[in-house]
Amino acid sequence: MSAISAVNSYLSWGAQEPKSAPAAESAKQPRGDQGVRESYNVKISEAYQEFKTKFQEFHDREQCFGEDLAREAYEVRSKIKEEHQAQTSYLGRAAIWLRNMMTYGGGNASYEGLSKSKNPEEIAYSAFKTGGGDLGLQNNGFGDKLDVWNAIKEVSTLYPEDITDAMVGVYKAQEPGKVDVDAILAARGDTSPAHAFLDLLRPGASTLKTYA
């Protein structure tokens, strides 16, 4: 059994407050690891909502954003992560540290390390997903949308902010390794005749890439 799996039986982000505890007594207790994780997911998701506008400004000009914006997103995520790791139990922090050492070769992934396998746009988007499934931790769901984006981006002009929950559902229902892009795009639910006509009037609005 690995060191990580050894703590998984404990790690629902640490000890939980007894559900039967009186409300007044519970309010006096420090936030448990489950509460820390929930707060972390919320804060990362809120930060993404702020960055969506910045991302859209580039995409409206049909441009990919560069390293400056990617570093800004990475630093925002790092600050939120550090704040919440400081609130995590010792056992929780030990498991996270060990997992990161095995995954990234360090306590946390560095920007330089990520840039070896991801471009700035991929780094910026990945800053706003939470993982930890290997530690039994809940995520904020944004990683699912990035999975869909990565599966269709070679033939689609959509960006992660355009991916809907319905598209994620269709993608997950498909056989692994066999991506039906048409079915995923159809699940977006905004292809009514009226909408399609308006899309024709807007440059770059088509959701399918065409090649000469």
Protein backbone atom coordinates (compact mmCIF):
# COMPACT_ATOMS: atom_id res chain seq x y z
CA MET A 1 0.00 0.00 0.00
CA SER A 2 1.39 3.41 -0.94
CA ALA A 3 1.80 6.22 1.55
CA ILE A 4 -0.96 8.13 -0.21
CA SER A 5 -3.43 5.24 -0.18
CA ALA A 6 -2.62 4.65 3.47
CA VAL A 7 -4.08 8.00 4.42
CA ASN A 8 -7.00 7.91 2.00
CA SER A 9 -9.20 6.10 4.50
CA TYR A 10 -8.79 9.10 6.79
CA LEU A 11 -8.68 11.84 4.21
CA SER A 12 -12.02 13.33 3.54
CA TRP A 13 -9.84 16.34 4.19
CA GLY A 14 -9.29 15.36 7.78
CA ALA A 15 -11.42 14.85 10.80
CA GLN A 16 -15.01 15.99 10.47
CA GLU A 17 -17.03 17.82 13.05
CA PRO A 18 -19.68 15.52 14.57
CA LYS A 19 -22.99 16.09 12.81
CA SER A 20 -24.80 15.64 16.11
CA ALA A 21 -22.92 18.49 17.82
CA PRO A 22 -25.08 21.43 18.92
CA ALA A 23 -24.94 24.38 16.51
CA ALA A 24 -23.44 26.74 19.11
CA GLU A 25 -20.71 24.27 20.02
CA SER A 26 -19.90 23.53 16.37
CA ALA A 27 -19.59 27.23 15.63
CA LYS A 28 -16.74 27.46 18.16
CA GLN A 29 -14.74 24.68 16.53
CA PRO A 30 -12.09 25.46 13.87
CA ARG A 31 -13.14 24.69 10.32
CA GLY A 32 -12.53 21.04 9.47
CA ASP A 33 -10.63 19.93 6.38
CA GLN A 34 -13.87 19.27 4.50
CA GLY A 35 -14.87 22.88 5.08
CA VAL A 36 -11.44 24.04 3.94
CA ARG A 37 -11.81 22.06 0.73
CA GLU A 38 -15.27 23.47 0.04
CA SER A 39 -13.95 26.99 0.59
CA TYR A 40 -11.01 26.28 -1.73
CA ASN A 41 -13.31 25.11 -4.51
CA VAL A 42 -15.48 28.20 -4.12
CA LYS A 43 -12.55 30.63 -4.11
CA ILE A 44 -10.93 29.06 -7.19
CA SER A 45 -14.26 29.14 -9.04
CA GLU A 46 -14.84 32.78 -8.04
CA ALA A 47 -11.37 33.71 -9.30
CA TYR A 48 -12.17 32.07 -12.63
CA GLN A 49 -15.31 34.16 -12.99
CA GLU A 50 -13.15 37.28 -12.68
CA PHE A 51 -10.65 36.03 -15.25
CA LYS A 52 -13.31 35.02 -17.78
CA THR A 53 -13.67 38.65 -18.83
CA LYS A 54 -9.93 38.96 -19.42
CA PHE A 55 -9.88 35.74 -21.40
CA GLN A 56 -12.85 36.85 -23.50
CA GLU A 57 -11.15 40.10 -24.45
CA PHE A 58 -8.41 38.12 -26.18
CA HIS A 59 -10.79 35.65 -27.77
CA ASP A 60 -13.03 38.39 -29.12
CA ARG A 61 -9.98 39.54 -31.05
CA GLU A 62 -9.36 35.93 -32.10
CA GLN A 63 -6.08 35.90 -30.18
CA CYS A 64 -4.62 33.48 -27.67
CA PHE A 65 -3.38 35.13 -24.49
CA GLY A 66 0.30 35.03 -23.61
CA GLU A 67 2.57 34.32 -20.70
CA ASP A 68 1.77 37.45 -18.67
CA LEU A 69 -1.89 36.54 -18.24
CA ALA A 70 -1.00 32.89 -17.67
CA ARG A 71 1.42 33.84 -14.89
CA GLU A 72 -1.18 36.12 -13.34
CA ALA A 73 -3.71 33.27 -13.27
CA TYR A 74 -1.10 30.88 -11.85
CA GLU A 75 -0.17 33.34 -9.08
CA VAL A 76 -3.80 33.94 -8.12
CA ARG A 77 -4.36 30.19 -7.83
CA SER A 78 -1.11 29.75 -5.84
CA LYS A 79 -2.16 32.39 -3.32
CA ILE A 80 -5.55 30.75 -2.76
CA LYS A 81 -3.89 27.35 -2.47
CA GLU A 82 -1.35 28.54 0.10
CA GLU A 83 -4.04 30.19 2.22
CA HIS A 84 -6.11 27.02 2.32
CA GLN A 85 -3.22 24.63 2.83
CA ALA A 86 -2.28 26.67 5.90
CA GLN A 87 -5.75 25.88 7.31
CA THR A 88 -5.51 22.16 6.54
CA SER A 89 -4.73 19.58 9.22
CA TYR A 90 -1.17 18.28 9.55
CA LEU A 91 -2.14 14.89 8.17
CA GLY A 92 -3.94 16.50 5.27
CA ARG A 93 -0.96 18.69 4.45
CA ALA A 94 1.40 15.70 4.64
CA ALA A 95 -0.70 13.74 2.17
CA ILE A 96 -0.95 16.71 -0.22
CA TRP A 97 2.80 17.32 0.00
CA LEU A 98 3.59 13.67 -0.70
CA ARG A 99 1.16 13.57 -3.62
CA ASN A 100 2.67 16.74 -5.12
CA MET A 101 6.20 15.39 -4.70
CA MET A 102 5.23 12.27 -6.65
CA THR A 103 3.30 14.23 -9.30
CA TYR A 104 5.39 17.37 -9.75
CA GLY A 105 8.67 16.59 -8.03
CA GLY A 106 8.05 19.39 -5.53
CA GLY A 107 5.65 20.64 -2.89
CA ASN A 108 3.59 22.41 -5.56
CA ALA A 109 3.82 22.64 -9.33
CA SER A 110 5.96 25.58 -10.49
CA TYR A 111 5.06 27.74 -13.47
CA GLU A 112 8.29 26.72 -15.18
CA GLY A 113 7.51 23.05 -14.62
CA LEU A 114 4.01 23.40 -16.05
CA SER A 115 5.32 25.33 -19.07
CA LYS A 116 7.32 22.28 -20.16
CA SER A 117 4.13 20.46 -21.12
CA LYS A 118 1.49 23.21 -21.45
CA ASN A 119 1.19 26.43 -23.41
CA PRO A 120 0.22 29.69 -21.61
CA GLU A 121 -3.46 29.30 -22.45
CA GLU A 122 -3.55 25.76 -21.05
CA ILE A 123 -1.72 26.87 -17.89
CA ALA A 124 -4.11 29.78 -17.36
CA TYR A 125 -7.20 27.59 -17.67
CA SER A 126 -5.81 24.76 -15.56
CA ALA A 127 -5.20 27.29 -12.77
CA PHE A 128 -8.95 27.34 -12.18
CA LYS A 129 -9.64 23.64 -11.87
CA THR A 130 -9.29 21.71 -8.61
CA GLY A 131 -8.35 18.05 -8.56
CA GLY A 132 -7.21 15.80 -5.76
CA GLY A 133 -9.35 12.84 -6.76
CA ASP A 134 -6.44 10.53 -5.95
CA LEU A 135 -6.72 11.76 -2.36
CA GLY A 136 -10.47 11.38 -2.22
CA LEU A 137 -11.01 15.12 -2.51
CA GLN A 138 -13.93 16.82 -4.22
CA ASN A 139 -13.24 19.13 -7.15
CA ASN A 140 -15.01 22.19 -8.51
CA GLY A 141 -16.04 20.51 -11.79
CA PHE A 142 -14.08 22.83 -14.08
CA GLY A 143 -11.66 20.04 -14.97
CA ASP A 144 -14.53 18.25 -16.74
CA LYS A 145 -15.04 21.25 -18.99
CA LEU A 146 -11.34 21.37 -19.77
CA ASP A 147 -11.50 17.68 -20.73
CA VAL A 148 -14.27 18.47 -23.22
CA TRP A 149 -12.36 21.48 -24.56
CA ASN A 150 -9.22 19.40 -25.08
CA ALA A 151 -11.26 16.71 -26.83
CA ILE A 152 -12.84 19.10 -29.37
CA LYS A 153 -10.47 22.06 -29.71
CA GLU A 154 -8.76 20.73 -32.83
CA VAL A 155 -12.03 21.05 -34.76
CA SER A 156 -13.94 23.64 -32.73
CA THR A 157 -13.50 27.35 -32.05
CA LEU A 158 -15.16 27.08 -28.63
CA TYR A 159 -13.24 27.88 -25.47
CA PRO A 160 -13.67 26.38 -21.97
CA GLU A 161 -16.02 29.19 -20.96
CA ASP A 162 -18.34 28.07 -23.78
CA ILE A 163 -18.58 24.47 -22.58
CA THR A 164 -21.91 23.65 -20.93
CA ASP A 165 -22.85 21.00 -18.39
CA ALA A 166 -24.90 19.26 -21.09
CA MET A 167 -21.81 19.01 -23.29
CA VAL A 168 -19.87 17.50 -20.39
CA GLY A 169 -22.65 14.95 -19.89
CA VAL A 170 -22.57 13.86 -23.54
CA TYR A 171 -18.76 13.64 -23.51
CA LYS A 172 -18.74 11.46 -20.39
CA ALA A 173 -21.37 9.15 -21.89
CA GLN A 174 -19.23 8.46 -24.94
CA GLU A 175 -16.98 5.45 -25.25
CA PRO A 176 -13.44 6.28 -24.06
CA GLY A 177 -11.20 7.18 -26.97
CA LYS A 178 -14.09 7.72 -29.38
CA VAL A 179 -15.12 11.37 -29.32
CA ASP A 180 -18.24 12.34 -31.27
CA VAL A 181 -17.66 16.07 -31.69
CA ASP A 182 -20.96 16.64 -33.49
CA ALA A 183 -22.91 15.12 -30.60
CA ILE A 184 -21.01 17.23 -28.07
CA LEU A 185 -21.60 20.45 -30.00
CA ALA A 186 -25.28 19.59 -30.52
CA ALA A 187 -25.65 19.32 -26.75
CA ARG A 188 -24.65 22.97 -26.39
CA GLY A 189 -28.31 23.75 -27.02
CA ASP A 190 -27.94 27.09 -28.77
CA THR A 191 -28.24 25.99 -32.39
CA SER A 192 -31.79 27.16 -33.05
CA PRO A 193 -32.43 28.54 -36.58
CA ALA A 194 -32.62 32.09 -35.23
CA HIS A 195 -29.36 31.71 -33.35
CA ALA A 196 -27.66 30.12 -36.35
CA PHE A 197 -28.71 33.08 -38.51
CA LEU A 198 -27.24 35.54 -36.01
CA ASP A 199 -24.03 33.52 -35.92
CA LEU A 200 -23.65 33.99 -39.66
CA LEU A 201 -23.64 37.75 -39.12
CA ARG A 202 -20.89 37.63 -36.47
CA PRO A 203 -17.27 37.10 -37.58
CA GLY A 204 -15.67 34.11 -35.92
CA ALA A 205 -18.90 32.89 -34.35
CA SER A 206 -18.94 29.48 -36.03
CA THR A 207 -18.23 26.68 -33.57
CA LEU A 208 -16.50 24.50 -36.18
CA LYS A 209 -13.08 25.19 -37.59
CA THR A 210 -12.67 25.05 -41.35
CA TYR A 211 -9.48 24.38 -43.23
CA ALA A 212 -8.46 25.53 -46.72
